[in-house]
Amino acid sequence: MALTLYVATTNAGKLRDFATAAETHNIILCSVPDLLSLPPVEETADTFEGNARLKAEAYSLSLPDAYVLADDSGIEVDALNGAPGVRSARYAADAGMTDSPDANDNTDVWNNILLLTNLKSVPAFERIARYRCVLALAKNGHTLLTANGTLEGVILESPRGTGGFGYDPLLYLPEQGLTMAEIDGDLRHQLSHRGRAFRALLPELDRLS
């Protein structure tokens, strides 16, 4: 019998990452119904796991007896003691760098500018970084499983590539010789930290099904 997971995201890229990782397993992935109409969950935890648990538990209450999967992810830079970390999406906003109300959303641009500014004096060999994703699976308001996935790289001194989003133009993967913004779709999904976290979860999901 197939296992149905409701994923707490409307992000098509995230769903593809999970679907790619699950394609050889008997798992059906769906978005949480009417997710945008549900009250947003405040990500108040200071760890990726904490925020993933908060979201999974809250959204699972809207789907009694269903399995709900949520993630929290971001980039960690060793030279910055793990920052931006859980504040990755709000890194520049926390520093007061935001767009005017009538401007397009340049959040990714500001985040990248601030990261480069904060690493300006850091030599290339010390710019080690990674994408990290933590997944939490909950049912009826209780977390049942968690899993972690990472993708290691280094931060360049300037962006490269036009694909992806977030910090992708800055995260260089030495084994590939490319940034995440330069990698094509299929390989991106294979390398994805979200896909790796999902694959780490699969043995436990198989037992649930």
Protein backbone atom coordinates (compact mmCIF):
# COMPACT_ATOMS: atom_id res chain seq x y z
CA MET A 1 0.00 0.00 0.00
CA ALA A 2 1.35 3.42 -0.95
CA LEU A 3 2.25 5.86 1.79
CA THR A 4 0.83 9.35 1.31
CA LEU A 5 2.85 12.29 2.63
CA TYR A 6 1.49 15.82 2.73
CA VAL A 7 4.35 18.26 2.25
CA ALA A 8 4.07 21.67 3.91
CA THR A 9 5.25 23.68 0.91
CA THR A 10 3.97 25.24 -2.28
CA ASN A 11 7.52 25.40 -3.68
CA ALA A 12 7.62 23.31 -6.85
CA GLY A 13 11.40 22.95 -6.61
CA LYS A 14 11.21 21.40 -3.16
CA LEU A 15 8.50 19.00 -4.27
CA ARG A 16 10.65 17.93 -7.24
CA ASP A 17 13.61 17.33 -4.93
CA PHE A 18 11.51 15.07 -2.73
CA ALA A 19 9.83 13.35 -5.68
CA THR A 20 13.20 12.59 -7.29
CA ALA A 21 14.42 11.01 -4.06
CA ALA A 22 11.19 9.01 -3.65
CA GLU A 23 10.73 7.81 -7.24
CA THR A 24 11.77 4.21 -6.49
CA HIS A 25 9.61 3.98 -3.38
CA ASN A 26 5.88 3.48 -2.97
CA ILE A 27 5.25 7.01 -1.74
CA ILE A 28 2.67 9.57 -2.89
CA LEU A 29 3.62 13.21 -2.30
CA CYS A 30 1.00 15.97 -2.11
CA SER A 31 1.06 19.55 -0.92
CA VAL A 32 -0.87 20.29 2.25
CA PRO A 33 -4.32 21.33 0.95
CA ASP A 34 -5.04 25.06 1.07
CA LEU A 35 -1.66 25.67 2.70
CA LEU A 36 -1.68 29.39 1.91
CA SER A 37 -4.99 29.83 3.71
CA LEU A 38 -3.68 28.30 6.95
CA PRO A 39 -2.16 30.49 9.66
CA PRO A 40 1.60 30.82 9.04
CA VAL A 41 3.88 29.11 11.53
CA GLU A 42 6.36 31.40 13.28
CA GLU A 43 9.84 29.90 12.92
CA THR A 44 11.06 30.83 16.39
CA ALA A 45 13.47 27.94 17.01
CA ASP A 46 17.23 28.46 16.85
CA THR A 47 17.89 25.23 14.94
CA PHE A 48 16.73 23.84 11.59
CA GLU A 49 15.28 20.81 13.36
CA GLY A 50 13.35 22.98 15.78
CA ASN A 51 11.72 24.98 13.00
CA ALA A 52 10.97 21.88 10.93
CA ARG A 53 9.25 20.33 13.93
CA LEU A 54 7.22 23.47 14.61
CA LYS A 55 5.90 23.51 11.04
CA ALA A 56 5.26 19.78 10.73
CA GLU A 57 3.39 19.61 14.04
CA ALA A 58 1.29 22.72 13.38
CA TYR A 59 0.26 21.77 9.85
CA SER A 60 -0.44 18.16 10.81
CA LEU A 61 -3.22 19.42 13.06
CA SER A 62 -5.06 20.56 9.93
CA LEU A 63 -4.97 16.99 8.54
CA PRO A 64 -6.02 14.56 11.28
CA ASP A 65 -4.34 11.13 11.07
CA ALA A 66 -2.27 12.14 8.03
CA TYR A 67 1.51 12.24 7.77
CA VAL A 68 2.79 15.78 7.24
CA LEU A 69 6.35 16.56 6.17
CA ALA A 70 7.99 19.95 6.74
CA ASP A 71 11.52 21.20 6.25
CA ASP A 72 13.77 23.98 7.35
CA SER A 73 16.91 24.68 5.40
CA GLY A 74 19.60 27.25 4.79
CA ILE A 75 23.30 27.83 4.37
CA GLU A 76 25.98 27.53 7.04
CA VAL A 77 29.38 29.22 6.66
CA ASP A 78 32.14 27.98 8.94
CA ALA A 79 34.04 31.29 8.98
CA LEU A 80 30.85 32.99 10.25
CA ASN A 81 30.29 30.43 13.01
CA GLY A 82 27.50 28.77 11.06
CA ALA A 83 25.67 31.95 10.00
CA PRO A 84 23.38 32.73 8.27
CA GLY A 85 21.97 29.34 9.40
CA VAL A 86 18.30 29.43 10.36
CA ARG A 87 18.20 33.11 9.40
CA SER A 88 19.31 32.39 5.80
CA ALA A 89 16.10 33.66 4.20
CA ARG A 90 16.03 36.73 6.45
CA TYR A 91 19.78 37.38 6.64
CA ALA A 92 19.80 40.79 4.96
CA ALA A 93 16.43 41.83 6.40
CA ASP A 94 17.81 41.25 9.90
CA ALA A 95 20.53 43.77 9.02
CA GLY A 96 18.00 46.31 7.74
CA MET A 97 18.69 45.67 4.05
CA THR A 98 15.26 45.59 2.39
CA ASP A 99 13.56 46.83 -0.78
CA SER A 100 11.35 49.88 -0.94
CA PRO A 101 7.63 48.96 -1.00
CA ASP A 102 7.31 49.63 -4.76
CA ALA A 103 10.39 47.60 -5.75
CA ASN A 104 10.63 44.04 -6.99
CA ASP A 105 11.60 41.41 -4.45
CA ASN A 106 15.40 41.42 -4.32
CA THR A 107 15.72 39.37 -1.14
CA ASP A 108 18.17 36.90 -2.69
CA VAL A 109 20.31 39.72 -4.06
CA TRP A 110 20.53 41.47 -0.68
CA ASN A 111 21.29 38.20 1.11
CA ASN A 112 24.11 37.43 -1.30
CA ILE A 113 25.54 40.95 -1.04
CA LEU A 114 25.58 40.79 2.76
CA LEU A 115 27.20 37.35 2.78
CA LEU A 116 29.95 38.52 0.43
CA THR A 117 30.47 41.65 2.52
CA ASN A 118 30.83 39.64 5.72
CA LEU A 119 33.34 37.30 4.03
CA LYS A 120 35.34 40.05 2.35
CA SER A 121 38.50 39.48 4.42
CA VAL A 122 38.19 35.67 4.53
CA PRO A 123 40.60 33.79 2.21
CA ALA A 124 39.28 31.23 -0.27
CA PHE A 125 40.48 28.19 1.69
CA GLU A 126 38.47 29.30 4.74
CA ARG A 127 35.18 29.93 2.90
CA ILE A 128 33.83 26.44 3.56
CA ALA A 129 30.05 26.27 3.61
CA ARG A 130 27.16 23.89 3.21
CA TYR A 131 23.48 23.80 2.50
CA ARG A 132 21.64 22.00 5.28
CA CYS A 133 18.09 20.67 5.35
CA VAL A 134 16.28 19.05 8.24
CA LEU A 135 12.98 17.28 7.65
CA ALA A 136 10.36 16.51 10.26
CA LEU A 137 7.44 14.12 9.81
CA ALA A 138 4.48 14.66 12.12
CA LYS A 139 1.05 13.19 12.73
CA ASN A 140 -1.69 14.71 14.86
CA GLY A 141 0.62 17.36 16.26
CA HIS A 142 3.50 15.05 17.21
CA THR A 143 6.85 14.64 15.42
CA LEU A 144 7.55 11.02 14.55
CA LEU A 145 10.75 11.23 12.51
CA THR A 146 13.49 13.68 11.58
CA ALA A 147 16.31 13.50 9.04
CA ASN A 148 19.21 15.69 7.99
CA GLY A 149 20.89 16.30 4.63
CA THR A 150 23.83 18.50 3.63
CA LEU A 151 25.62 19.62 0.47
CA GLU A 152 29.20 20.79 1.01
CA GLY A 153 30.91 23.57 -0.95
CA VAL A 154 32.74 26.87 -0.70
CA ILE A 155 31.58 30.47 -1.08
CA LEU A 156 32.98 32.28 -4.12
CA GLU A 157 34.03 35.94 -4.13
CA SER A 158 31.37 36.79 -6.74
CA PRO A 159 28.23 35.07 -8.03
CA ARG A 160 28.24 32.70 -11.01
CA GLY A 161 25.29 31.30 -12.93
CA THR A 162 21.68 32.27 -13.42
CA GLY A 163 19.82 29.16 -12.31
CA GLY A 164 18.41 28.21 -8.94
CA PHE A 165 17.66 30.70 -6.20
CA GLY A 166 18.90 31.89 -2.83
CA TYR A 167 22.64 31.45 -2.37
CA ASP A 168 23.03 29.11 -5.38
CA PRO A 169 25.22 31.56 -7.39
CA LEU A 170 27.73 31.69 -4.53
CA LEU A 171 27.93 28.04 -3.44
CA TYR A 172 30.66 26.41 -5.52
CA LEU A 173 30.90 22.61 -5.59
CA PRO A 174 34.56 21.60 -6.17
CA GLU A 175 33.67 18.08 -7.31
CA GLN A 176 31.43 19.48 -10.03
CA GLY A 177 33.53 22.55 -10.89
CA LEU A 178 30.29 24.55 -10.90
CA THR A 179 28.10 26.61 -8.61
CA MET A 180 24.62 25.39 -7.77
CA ALA A 181 23.32 28.11 -10.11
CA GLU A 182 25.27 26.58 -13.01
CA ILE A 183 24.09 22.98 -12.57
CA ASP A 184 21.25 21.63 -14.70
CA GLY A 185 17.92 20.54 -13.25
CA ASP A 186 18.39 16.77 -13.06
CA LEU A 187 21.78 16.98 -11.36
CA ARG A 188 20.52 19.73 -9.03
CA HIS A 189 17.76 17.43 -7.78
CA GLN A 190 20.21 14.55 -7.31
CA LEU A 191 22.65 16.70 -5.31
CA SER A 192 20.00 18.64 -3.40
CA HIS A 193 20.36 18.78 0.39
CA ARG A 194 16.59 18.38 0.55
CA GLY A 195 16.78 15.23 -1.56
CA ARG A 196 19.57 13.89 0.64
CA ALA A 197 17.53 14.54 3.78
CA PHE A 198 14.56 12.79 2.21
CA ARG A 199 16.68 9.78 1.23
CA ALA A 200 17.90 9.59 4.83
CA LEU A 201 14.25 9.44 5.90
CA LEU A 202 13.26 6.72 3.42
CA PRO A 203 14.19 3.63 5.51
CA GLU A 204 11.88 4.81 8.29
CA LEU A 205 9.15 5.75 5.80
CA ASP A 206 9.33 2.28 4.32
CA ARG A 207 8.57 0.87 7.76
CA LEU A 208 5.57 3.18 8.13
CA SER A 209 4.10 1.96 4.85
